[in-house]
Amino acid sequence: MDVSSLVIFLAIGAVAGWLAGQIIKGGGFGLVGNIIVGVVGAIVGGFLFRLLGLASFGLIGSIITATIGAVVLLYLIGLIKKM
């Protein structure tokens, strides 16, 4: 992975984490928090999309996949915290 790919990967994570924060709790988590939530969300989203037989392509598809995964991640974390 070269530097430009890493920067794009982190930018997608930051955008997805911020979007998920807006959807779930109404705010972001700071730059590092957004990146972490977005990157883990991308993994979760990719897994869910594969289970459902869906595919996403391009930059927008990656952001959508990561955001959906991050929303699911934050929702599950919220459920666990309430227990």
Protein backbone atom coordinates (compact mmCIF):
# COMPACT_ATOMS: atom_id res chain seq x y z
CA MET A 1 0.00 0.00 0.00
CA ASP A 2 1.49 3.31 -1.02
CA VAL A 3 1.07 6.64 0.75
CA SER A 4 -1.76 7.91 -1.44
CA SER A 5 -3.80 4.72 -0.88
CA LEU A 6 -3.27 5.02 2.86
CA VAL A 7 -4.41 8.66 2.85
CA ILE A 8 -7.54 7.75 0.86
CA PHE A 9 -8.23 4.82 3.21
CA LEU A 10 -7.95 7.07 6.28
CA ALA A 11 -10.06 9.79 4.65
CA ILE A 12 -12.82 7.28 3.88
CA GLY A 13 -12.64 6.09 7.49
CA ALA A 14 -12.87 9.65 8.80
CA VAL A 15 -15.86 10.51 6.60
CA ALA A 16 -17.66 7.25 7.40
CA GLY A 17 -17.02 7.62 11.13
CA TRP A 18 -18.26 11.20 11.11
CA LEU A 19 -21.39 10.26 9.13
CA ALA A 20 -22.13 7.35 11.47
CA GLY A 21 -21.69 9.65 14.47
CA GLN A 22 -24.16 12.10 12.95
CA ILE A 23 -26.68 9.33 12.31
CA ILE A 24 -26.39 7.52 15.65
CA LYS A 25 -25.56 10.05 18.34
CA GLY A 26 -25.76 13.42 16.62
CA GLY A 27 -22.05 14.25 16.70
CA GLY A 28 -18.60 13.12 15.68
CA PHE A 29 -15.89 11.51 17.79
CA GLY A 30 -12.95 13.71 16.85
CA LEU A 31 -10.62 12.97 13.96
CA VAL A 32 -8.91 9.91 15.44
CA GLY A 33 -12.18 8.50 16.80
CA ASN A 34 -13.91 9.00 13.45
CA ILE A 35 -11.08 7.23 11.64
CA ILE A 36 -11.16 4.27 14.04
CA VAL A 37 -14.95 3.96 13.87
CA GLY A 38 -14.86 4.30 10.07
CA VAL A 39 -12.10 1.74 9.52
CA VAL A 40 -13.73 -0.84 11.80
CA GLY A 41 -17.06 0.05 10.18
CA ALA A 42 -15.57 -0.65 6.77
CA ILE A 43 -14.64 -4.14 7.93
CA VAL A 44 -18.10 -4.74 9.40
CA GLY A 45 -19.80 -3.25 6.34
CA GLY A 46 -17.75 -5.37 3.95
CA PHE A 47 -18.65 -8.48 5.92
CA LEU A 48 -22.36 -7.59 5.95
CA PHE A 49 -22.39 -6.74 2.25
CA ARG A 50 -20.75 -10.09 1.42
CA LEU A 51 -23.32 -11.93 3.55
CA LEU A 52 -26.15 -10.20 1.69
CA GLY A 53 -24.54 -10.71 -1.72
CA LEU A 54 -24.13 -6.97 -2.32
CA ALA A 55 -21.19 -5.18 -3.85
CA SER A 56 -20.04 -1.57 -3.87
CA PHE A 57 -17.64 0.09 -6.25
CA GLY A 58 -15.65 3.28 -6.27
CA LEU A 59 -15.12 5.95 -3.68
CA ILE A 60 -18.81 6.60 -2.97
CA GLY A 61 -19.51 2.87 -2.64
CA SER A 62 -16.64 2.54 -0.17
CA ILE A 63 -17.96 5.44 1.90
CA ILE A 64 -21.48 3.98 1.90
CA THR A 65 -20.23 0.52 2.89
CA ALA A 66 -18.04 1.90 5.67
CA THR A 67 -20.82 4.19 6.93
CA ILE A 68 -23.37 1.38 7.09
CA GLY A 69 -20.87 -0.82 8.90
CA ALA A 70 -20.01 2.00 11.33
CA VAL A 71 -23.69 2.64 12.06
CA VAL A 72 -24.20 -1.06 12.82
CA LEU A 73 -21.06 -1.03 14.98
CA LEU A 74 -22.19 2.02 16.98
CA TYR A 75 -25.69 0.59 17.37
CA LEU A 76 -24.30 -2.69 18.76
CA ILE A 77 -21.97 -0.81 21.10
CA GLY A 78 -24.94 1.21 22.32
CA LEU A 79 -26.89 -1.96 23.01
CA ILE A 80 -23.99 -3.48 24.94
CA LYS A 81 -23.55 -0.31 27.02
CA LYS A 82 -27.22 -0.38 28.05
CA MET A 83 -26.90 -3.89 29.48
